[in-house]
Amino acid sequence: MIHLPSIIEVIAMLVILTIAFFTGYFLRHFIPVSKRLAVGLGSIVFINTVIFGIKIVSKIELPMTTSIGLGLGIGFSLGISQGFISKSE
């Protein structure tokens, strides 16, 4: 059976994605261009590992944890690499 996200999950993911994007966008001024890709990838792996660990340890079934982890990882990575892709700095 396919799990379709509820409207609350979608709204939470969009809010978190926006906040994470702007956080990454403002932090890109402090991270050198050569390390932005590694920091973006590391943030996705770290955030999702922490959320997965909390899910296993607490044994609480929270359906929004996947949406939140993806929103944080994708938003932060896009925000931090935005200057790297456009070369506008």
PDB file of N, CA and C in Angstrom:
ATOM      1  N   MET A   1       0.837  -1.178   0.000  1.00  0.00           N
ATOM      2  CA  MET A   1       0.000   0.000   0.000  1.00  0.00           C
ATOM      3  C   MET A   1       0.885   1.246   0.000  1.00  0.00           C
ATOM      4  N   ILE A   2       0.540   2.199  -0.806  1.00  0.00           N
ATOM      5  CA  ILE A   2       1.317   3.431  -0.933  1.00  0.00           C
ATOM      6  C   ILE A   2       0.858   4.430   0.132  1.00  0.00           C
ATOM      7  N   HIS A   3       1.844   5.023   0.823  1.00  0.00           N
ATOM      8  CA  HIS A   3       1.533   6.026   1.847  1.00  0.00           C
ATOM      9  C   HIS A   3       1.547   7.398   1.192  1.00  0.00           C
ATOM     10  N   LEU A   4       0.397   8.039   1.114  1.00  0.00           N
ATOM     11  CA  LEU A   4       0.313   9.399   0.605  1.00  0.00           C
ATOM     12  C   LEU A   4       0.389  10.364   1.783  1.00  0.00           C
ATOM     13  N   PRO A   5       1.203  11.415   1.660  1.00  0.00           N
ATOM     14  CA  PRO A   5       1.336  12.346   2.783  1.00  0.00           C
ATOM     15  C   PRO A   5       0.055  13.135   3.013  1.00  0.00           C
ATOM     16  N   SER A   6      -0.219  13.407   4.266  1.00  0.00           N
ATOM     17  CA  SER A   6      -1.387  14.219   4.602  1.00  0.00           C
ATOM     18  C   SER A   6      -1.062  15.686   4.355  1.00  0.00           C
ATOM     19  N   ILE A   7      -2.067  16.521   4.411  1.00  0.00           N
ATOM     20  CA  ILE A   7      -1.874  17.946   4.184  1.00  0.00           C
ATOM     21  C   ILE A   7      -0.988  18.560   5.267  1.00  0.00           C
ATOM     22  N   ILE A   8      -1.055  18.031   6.492  1.00  0.00           N
ATOM     23  CA  ILE A   8      -0.215  18.541   7.579  1.00  0.00           C
ATOM     24  C   ILE A   8       1.252  18.229   7.306  1.00  0.00           C
ATOM     25  N   GLU A   9       1.535  17.033   6.794  1.00  0.00           N
ATOM     26  CA  GLU A   9       2.914  16.669   6.459  1.00  0.00           C
ATOM     27  C   GLU A   9       3.464  17.562   5.358  1.00  0.00           C
ATOM     28  N   VAL A  10       2.650  17.848   4.358  1.00  0.00           N
ATOM     29  CA  VAL A  10       3.087  18.690   3.243  1.00  0.00           C
ATOM     30  C   VAL A  10       3.361  20.108   3.724  1.00  0.00           C
ATOM     31  N   ILE A  11       2.477  20.660   4.534  1.00  0.00           N
ATOM     32  CA  ILE A  11       2.668  22.017   5.057  1.00  0.00           C
ATOM     33  C   ILE A  11       3.905  22.074   5.950  1.00  0.00           C
ATOM     34  N   ALA A  12       4.085  21.072   6.817  1.00  0.00           N
ATOM     35  CA  ALA A  12       5.267  21.041   7.689  1.00  0.00           C
ATOM     36  C   ALA A  12       6.544  20.961   6.866  1.00  0.00           C
ATOM     37  N   MET A  13       6.537  20.140   5.815  1.00  0.00           N
ATOM     38  CA  MET A  13       7.734  20.009   4.987  1.00  0.00           C
ATOM     39  C   MET A  13       8.043  21.313   4.261  1.00  0.00           C
ATOM     40  N   LEU A  14       7.025  21.997   3.753  1.00  0.00           N
ATOM     41  CA  LEU A  14       7.257  23.259   3.050  1.00  0.00           C
ATOM     42  C   LEU A  14       7.782  24.344   3.985  1.00  0.00           C
ATOM     43  N   VAL A  15       7.258  24.407   5.196  1.00  0.00           N
ATOM     44  CA  VAL A  15       7.734  25.401   6.164  1.00  0.00           C
ATOM     45  C   VAL A  15       9.178  25.103   6.552  1.00  0.00           C
ATOM     46  N   ILE A  16       9.472  23.854   6.864  1.00  0.00           N
ATOM     47  CA  ILE A  16      10.823  23.474   7.269  1.00  0.00           C
ATOM     48  C   ILE A  16      11.801  23.626   6.111  1.00  0.00           C
ATOM     49  N   LEU A  17      11.378  23.285   4.902  1.00  0.00           N
ATOM     50  CA  LEU A  17      12.237  23.428   3.728  1.00  0.00           C
ATOM     51  C   LEU A  17      12.604  24.893   3.517  1.00  0.00           C
ATOM     52  N   THR A  18      11.645  25.791   3.686  1.00  0.00           N
ATOM     53  CA  THR A  18      11.908  27.221   3.511  1.00  0.00           C
ATOM     54  C   THR A  18      12.877  27.741   4.565  1.00  0.00           C
ATOM     55  N   ILE A  19      12.660  27.373   5.818  1.00  0.00           N
ATOM     56  CA  ILE A  19      13.555  27.815   6.894  1.00  0.00           C
ATOM     57  C   ILE A  19      14.963  27.260   6.684  1.00  0.00           C
ATOM     58  N   ALA A  20      15.063  25.990   6.316  1.00  0.00           N
ATOM     59  CA  ALA A  20      16.375  25.375   6.088  1.00  0.00           C
ATOM     60  C   ALA A  20      17.078  26.004   4.893  1.00  0.00           C
ATOM     61  N   PHE A  21      16.321  26.344   3.846  1.00  0.00           N
ATOM     62  CA  PHE A  21      16.922  26.976   2.672  1.00  0.00           C
ATOM     63  C   PHE A  21      17.556  28.309   3.044  1.00  0.00           C
ATOM     64  N   PHE A  22      16.813  29.156   3.760  1.00  0.00           N
ATOM     65  CA  PHE A  22      17.359  30.460   4.123  1.00  0.00           C
ATOM     66  C   PHE A  22      18.500  30.347   5.128  1.00  0.00           C
ATOM     67  N   THR A  23      18.468  29.346   5.995  1.00  0.00           N
ATOM     68  CA  THR A  23      19.593  29.113   6.902  1.00  0.00           C
ATOM     69  C   THR A  23      20.849  28.775   6.107  1.00  0.00           C
ATOM     70  N   GLY A  24      20.730  27.856   5.159  1.00  0.00           N
ATOM     71  CA  GLY A  24      21.864  27.507   4.311  1.00  0.00           C
ATOM     72  C   GLY A  24      22.324  28.672   3.460  1.00  0.00           C
ATOM     73  N   TYR A  25      21.369  29.468   2.969  1.00  0.00           N
ATOM     74  CA  TYR A  25      21.703  30.613   2.116  1.00  0.00           C
ATOM     75  C   TYR A  25      22.516  31.652   2.882  1.00  0.00           C
ATOM     76  N   PHE A  26      22.149  31.908   4.140  1.00  0.00           N
ATOM     77  CA  PHE A  26      22.893  32.885   4.929  1.00  0.00           C
ATOM     78  C   PHE A  26      24.221  32.326   5.433  1.00  0.00           C
ATOM     79  N   LEU A  27      24.312  31.015   5.649  1.00  0.00           N
ATOM     80  CA  LEU A  27      25.569  30.419   6.106  1.00  0.00           C
ATOM     81  C   LEU A  27      26.590  30.262   4.980  1.00  0.00           C
ATOM     82  N   ARG A  28      26.169  30.373   3.740  1.00  0.00           N
ATOM     83  CA  ARG A  28      27.108  30.172   2.633  1.00  0.00           C
ATOM     84  C   ARG A  28      28.198  31.236   2.596  1.00  0.00           C
ATOM     85  N   HIS A  29      27.973  32.359   3.252  1.00  0.00           N
ATOM     86  CA  HIS A  29      28.994  33.403   3.303  1.00  0.00           C
ATOM     87  C   HIS A  29      30.166  33.009   4.200  1.00  0.00           C
ATOM     88  N   PHE A  30      29.960  32.044   5.084  1.00  0.00           N
ATOM     89  CA  PHE A  30      30.996  31.629   6.024  1.00  0.00           C
ATOM     90  C   PHE A  30      31.690  30.331   5.619  1.00  0.00           C
ATOM     91  N   ILE A  31      31.180  29.650   4.607  1.00  0.00           N
ATOM     92  CA  ILE A  31      31.746  28.368   4.176  1.00  0.00           C
ATOM     93  C   ILE A  31      32.392  28.559   2.813  1.00  0.00           C
ATOM     94  N   PRO A  32      33.659  28.168   2.656  1.00  0.00           N
ATOM     95  CA  PRO A  32      34.338  28.337   1.368  1.00  0.00           C
ATOM     96  C   PRO A  32      33.626  27.575   0.250  1.00  0.00           C
ATOM     97  N   VAL A  33      33.736  28.091  -0.964  1.00  0.00           N
ATOM     98  CA  VAL A  33      33.061  27.496  -2.123  1.00  0.00           C
ATOM     99  C   VAL A  33      33.484  26.046  -2.320  1.00  0.00           C
ATOM    100  N   SER A  34      34.742  25.744  -2.082  1.00  0.00           N
ATOM    101  CA  SER A  34      35.237  24.386  -2.321  1.00  0.00           C
ATOM    102  C   SER A  34      34.657  23.360  -1.343  1.00  0.00           C
ATOM    103  N   LYS A  35      34.116  23.811  -0.213  1.00  0.00           N
ATOM    104  CA  LYS A  35      33.604  22.866   0.793  1.00  0.00           C
ATOM    105  C   LYS A  35      32.081  22.833   0.864  1.00  0.00           C
ATOM    106  N   ARG A  36      31.393  23.623   0.066  1.00  0.00           N
ATOM    107  CA  ARG A  36      29.933  23.707   0.163  1.00  0.00           C
ATOM    108  C   ARG A  36      29.243  22.411  -0.214  1.00  0.00           C
ATOM    109  N   LEU A  37      29.733  21.733  -1.225  1.00  0.00           N
ATOM    110  CA  LEU A  37      29.108  20.476  -1.639  1.00  0.00           C
ATOM    111  C   LEU A  37      29.230  19.428  -0.534  1.00  0.00           C
ATOM    112  N   ALA A  38      30.401  19.347   0.086  1.00  0.00           N
ATOM    113  CA  ALA A  38      30.610  18.382   1.170  1.00  0.00           C
ATOM    114  C   ALA A  38      29.748  18.721   2.384  1.00  0.00           C
ATOM    115  N   VAL A  39      29.630  19.997   2.707  1.00  0.00           N
ATOM    116  CA  VAL A  39      28.808  20.405   3.850  1.00  0.00           C
ATOM    117  C   VAL A  39      27.335  20.118   3.569  1.00  0.00           C
ATOM    118  N   GLY A  40      26.875  20.376   2.355  1.00  0.00           N
ATOM    119  CA  GLY A  40      25.486  20.093   1.995  1.00  0.00           C
ATOM    120  C   GLY A  40      25.162  18.615   2.069  1.00  0.00           C
ATOM    121  N   LEU A  41      26.036  17.784   1.520  1.00  0.00           N
ATOM    122  CA  LEU A  41      25.823  16.335   1.566  1.00  0.00           C
ATOM    123  C   LEU A  41      25.920  15.817   2.997  1.00  0.00           C
ATOM    124  N   GLY A  42      26.889  16.326   3.737  1.00  0.00           N
ATOM    125  CA  GLY A  42      27.037  15.916   5.130  1.00  0.00           C
ATOM    126  C   GLY A  42      25.831  16.281   5.973  1.00  0.00           C
ATOM    127  N   SER A  43      25.225  17.423   5.673  1.00  0.00           N
ATOM    128  CA  SER A  43      24.037  17.826   6.435  1.00  0.00           C
ATOM    129  C   SER A  43      22.868  16.886   6.181  1.00  0.00           C
ATOM    130  N   ILE A  44      22.686  16.450   4.933  1.00  0.00           N
ATOM    131  CA  ILE A  44      21.607  15.502   4.626  1.00  0.00           C
ATOM    132  C   ILE A  44      21.832  14.192   5.372  1.00  0.00           C
ATOM    133  N   VAL A  45      23.045  13.672   5.299  1.00  0.00           N
ATOM    134  CA  VAL A  45      23.349  12.393   5.952  1.00  0.00           C
ATOM    135  C   VAL A  45      23.204  12.518   7.467  1.00  0.00           C
ATOM    136  N   PHE A  46      23.736  13.588   8.047  1.00  0.00           N
ATOM    137  CA  PHE A  46      23.685  13.774   9.499  1.00  0.00           C
ATOM    138  C   PHE A  46      22.246  13.927   9.997  1.00  0.00           C
ATOM    139  N   ILE A  47      21.474  14.780   9.359  1.00  0.00           N
ATOM    140  CA  ILE A  47      20.099  15.031   9.804  1.00  0.00           C
ATOM    141  C   ILE A  47      19.262  13.769   9.717  1.00  0.00           C
ATOM    142  N   ASN A  48      19.356  13.061   8.599  1.00  0.00           N
ATOM    143  CA  ASN A  48      18.548  11.848   8.448  1.00  0.00           C
ATOM    144  C   ASN A  48      19.017  10.726   9.372  1.00  0.00           C
ATOM    145  N   THR A  49      20.317  10.653   9.669  1.00  0.00           N
ATOM    146  CA  THR A  49      20.817   9.655  10.617  1.00  0.00           C
ATOM    147  C   THR A  49      20.306   9.938  12.024  1.00  0.00           C
ATOM    148  N   VAL A  50      20.325  11.196  12.429  1.00  0.00           N
ATOM    149  CA  VAL A  50      19.825  11.566  13.755  1.00  0.00           C
ATOM    150  C   VAL A  50      18.330  11.267  13.868  1.00  0.00           C
ATOM    151  N   ILE A  51      17.562  11.621  12.856  1.00  0.00           N
ATOM    152  CA  ILE A  51      16.119  11.357  12.893  1.00  0.00           C
ATOM    153  C   ILE A  51      15.847   9.858  12.912  1.00  0.00           C
ATOM    154  N   PHE A  52      16.599   9.092  12.119  1.00  0.00           N
ATOM    155  CA  PHE A  52      16.434   7.639  12.104  1.00  0.00           C
ATOM    156  C   PHE A  52      16.794   7.045  13.466  1.00  0.00           C
ATOM    157  N   GLY A  53      17.869   7.540  14.087  1.00  0.00           N
ATOM    158  CA  GLY A  53      18.263   7.059  15.411  1.00  0.00           C
ATOM    159  C   GLY A  53      17.220   7.360  16.470  1.00  0.00           C
ATOM    160  N   ILE A  54      16.662   8.563  16.430  1.00  0.00           N
ATOM    161  CA  ILE A  54      15.611   8.923  17.383  1.00  0.00           C
ATOM    162  C   ILE A  54      14.388   8.038  17.185  1.00  0.00           C
ATOM    163  N   LYS A  55      14.071   7.761  15.937  1.00  0.00           N
ATOM    164  CA  LYS A  55      12.919   6.911  15.640  1.00  0.00           C
ATOM    165  C   LYS A  55      13.122   5.495  16.175  1.00  0.00           C
ATOM    166  N   ILE A  56      14.335   4.968  16.055  1.00  0.00           N
ATOM    167  CA  ILE A  56      14.615   3.610  16.530  1.00  0.00           C
ATOM    168  C   ILE A  56      14.642   3.557  18.058  1.00  0.00           C
ATOM    169  N   VAL A  57      15.321   4.518  18.679  1.00  0.00           N
ATOM    170  CA  VAL A  57      15.466   4.503  20.132  1.00  0.00           C
ATOM    171  C   VAL A  57      14.134   4.755  20.835  1.00  0.00           C
ATOM    172  N   SER A  58      13.365   5.715  20.361  1.00  0.00           N
ATOM    173  CA  SER A  58      12.124   6.064  21.054  1.00  0.00           C
ATOM    174  C   SER A  58      10.979   5.122  20.722  1.00  0.00           C
ATOM    175  N   LYS A  59      11.080   4.422  19.603  1.00  0.00           N
ATOM    176  CA  LYS A  59      10.040   3.485  19.160  1.00  0.00           C
ATOM    177  C   LYS A  59       8.672   4.152  19.053  1.00  0.00           C
ATOM    178  N   ILE A  60       8.685   5.446  18.778  1.00  0.00           N
ATOM    179  CA  ILE A  60       7.446   6.183  18.561  1.00  0.00           C
ATOM    180  C   ILE A  60       7.253   6.311  17.058  1.00  0.00           C
ATOM    181  N   GLU A  61       6.087   5.963  16.592  1.00  0.00           N
ATOM    182  CA  GLU A  61       5.812   6.020  15.164  1.00  0.00           C
ATOM    183  C   GLU A  61       5.304   7.414  14.804  1.00  0.00           C
ATOM    184  N   LEU A  62       6.186   8.219  14.279  1.00  0.00           N
ATOM    185  CA  LEU A  62       5.823   9.560  13.840  1.00  0.00           C
ATOM    186  C   LEU A  62       5.928   9.615  12.317  1.00  0.00           C
ATOM    187  N   PRO A  63       4.827   9.716  11.628  1.00  0.00           N
ATOM    188  CA  PRO A  63       4.888   9.701  10.165  1.00  0.00           C
ATOM    189  C   PRO A  63       5.547  10.936   9.574  1.00  0.00           C
ATOM    190  N   MET A  64       5.609  12.042  10.324  1.00  0.00           N
ATOM    191  CA  MET A  64       6.177  13.265   9.766  1.00  0.00           C
ATOM    192  C   MET A  64       7.694  13.312   9.835  1.00  0.00           C
ATOM    193  N   THR A  65       8.350  12.371  10.498  1.00  0.00           N
ATOM    194  CA  THR A  65       9.805  12.448  10.637  1.00  0.00           C
ATOM    195  C   THR A  65      10.511  12.352   9.297  1.00  0.00           C
ATOM    196  N   THR A  66       9.997  11.553   8.389  1.00  0.00           N
ATOM    197  CA  THR A  66      10.614  11.447   7.070  1.00  0.00           C
ATOM    198  C   THR A  66      10.476  12.762   6.315  1.00  0.00           C
ATOM    199  N   SER A  67       9.314  13.378   6.376  1.00  0.00           N
ATOM    200  CA  SER A  67       9.094  14.657   5.697  1.00  0.00           C
ATOM    201  C   SER A  67       9.991  15.741   6.270  1.00  0.00           C
ATOM    202  N   ILE A  68      10.114  15.752   7.584  1.00  0.00           N
ATOM    203  CA  ILE A  68      10.940  16.764   8.234  1.00  0.00           C
ATOM    204  C   ILE A  68      12.406  16.568   7.873  1.00  0.00           C
ATOM    205  N   GLY A  69      12.883  15.328   7.901  1.00  0.00           N
ATOM    206  CA  GLY A  69      14.276  15.049   7.548  1.00  0.00           C
ATOM    207  C   GLY A  69      14.594  15.420   6.116  1.00  0.00           C
ATOM    208  N   LEU A  70      13.708  15.080   5.212  1.00  0.00           N
ATOM    209  CA  LEU A  70      13.928  15.431   3.809  1.00  0.00           C
ATOM    210  C   LEU A  70      13.872  16.939   3.600  1.00  0.00           C
ATOM    211  N   GLY A  71      12.933  17.595   4.255  1.00  0.00           N
ATOM    212  CA  GLY A  71      12.833  19.048   4.129  1.00  0.00           C
ATOM    213  C   GLY A  71      14.072  19.758   4.634  1.00  0.00           C
ATOM    214  N   LEU A  72      14.574  19.320   5.797  1.00  0.00           N
ATOM    215  CA  LEU A  72      15.793  19.924   6.348  1.00  0.00           C
ATOM    216  C   LEU A  72      17.003  19.673   5.455  1.00  0.00           C
ATOM    217  N   GLY A  73      17.171  18.430   5.059  1.00  0.00           N
ATOM    218  CA  GLY A  73      18.338  18.085   4.248  1.00  0.00           C
ATOM    219  C   GLY A  73      18.343  18.758   2.892  1.00  0.00           C
ATOM    220  N   ILE A  74      17.234  18.719   2.203  1.00  0.00           N
ATOM    221  CA  ILE A  74      17.161  19.302   0.861  1.00  0.00           C
ATOM    222  C   ILE A  74      17.218  20.821   0.923  1.00  0.00           C
ATOM    223  N   GLY A  75      16.469  21.428   1.838  1.00  0.00           N
ATOM    224  CA  GLY A  75      16.452  22.887   1.930  1.00  0.00           C
ATOM    225  C   GLY A  75      17.807  23.465   2.288  1.00  0.00           C
ATOM    226  N   PHE A  76      18.474  22.889   3.282  1.00  0.00           N
ATOM    227  CA  PHE A  76      19.788  23.393   3.687  1.00  0.00           C
ATOM    228  C   PHE A  76      20.803  23.220   2.567  1.00  0.00           C
ATOM    229  N   SER A  77      20.779  22.068   1.918  1.00  0.00           N
ATOM    230  CA  SER A  77      21.733  21.812   0.837  1.00  0.00           C
ATOM    231  C   SER A  77      21.519  22.756  -0.336  1.00  0.00           C
ATOM    232  N   LEU A  78      20.279  22.992  -0.708  1.00  0.00           N
ATOM    233  CA  LEU A  78      20.003  23.920  -1.805  1.00  0.00           C
ATOM    234  C   LEU A  78      20.407  25.339  -1.441  1.00  0.00           C
ATOM    235  N   GLY A  79      20.152  25.734  -0.211  1.00  0.00           N
ATOM    236  CA  GLY A  79      20.514  27.085   0.207  1.00  0.00           C
ATOM    237  C   GLY A  79      22.009  27.304   0.249  1.00  0.00           C
ATOM    238  N   ILE A  80      22.740  26.319   0.731  1.00  0.00           N
ATOM    239  CA  ILE A  80      24.188  26.489   0.865  1.00  0.00           C
ATOM    240  C   ILE A  80      24.897  26.393  -0.488  1.00  0.00           C
ATOM    241  N   SER A  81      24.343  25.634  -1.413  1.00  0.00           N
ATOM    242  CA  SER A  81      25.011  25.473  -2.707  1.00  0.00           C
ATOM    243  C   SER A  81      24.508  26.453  -3.746  1.00  0.00           C
ATOM    244  N   GLN A  82      23.575  27.298  -3.411  1.00  0.00           N
ATOM    245  CA  GLN A  82      22.980  28.202  -4.377  1.00  0.00           C
ATOM    246  C   GLN A  82      24.019  29.107  -5.021  1.00  0.00           C
ATOM    247  N   GLY A  83      24.928  29.645  -4.252  1.00  0.00           N
ATOM    248  CA  GLY A  83      25.977  30.484  -4.809  1.00  0.00           C
ATOM    249  C   GLY A  83      26.988  29.682  -5.607  1.00  0.00           C
ATOM    250  N   PHE A  84      27.191  28.410  -5.230  1.00  0.00           N
ATOM    251  CA  PHE A  84      28.133  27.540  -5.933  1.00  0.00           C
ATOM    252  C   PHE A  84      27.646  27.233  -7.340  1.00  0.00           C
ATOM    253  N   ILE A  85      26.344  27.044  -7.494  1.00  0.00           N
ATOM    254  CA  ILE A  85      25.782  26.694  -8.793  1.00  0.00           C
ATOM    255  C   ILE A  85      25.723  27.906  -9.705  1.00  0.00           C
ATOM    256  N   SER A  86      25.290  29.055  -9.182  1.00  0.00           N
ATOM    257  CA  SER A  86      25.092  30.213 -10.048  1.00  0.00           C
ATOM    258  C   SER A  86      26.368  31.022 -10.270  1.00  0.00           C
ATOM    259  N   LYS A  87      27.389  30.808  -9.463  1.00  0.00           N
ATOM    260  CA  LYS A  87      28.666  31.532  -9.563  1.00  0.00           C
ATOM    261  C   LYS A  87      28.458  33.050  -9.544  1.00  0.00           C
ATOM    262  N   SER A  88      27.487  33.504  -8.770  1.00  0.00           N
ATOM    263  CA  SER A  88      27.157  34.930  -8.764  1.00  0.00           C
ATOM    264  C   SER A  88      27.889  35.712  -7.677  1.00  0.00           C
ATOM    265  N   GLU A  89      28.746  35.063  -6.917  1.00  0.00           N
ATOM    266  CA  GLU A  89      29.426  35.768  -5.824  1.00  0.00           C
ATOM    267  C   GLU A  89      30.551  36.617  -6.354  1.00  0.00           C
TER     268      GLU A  89
END
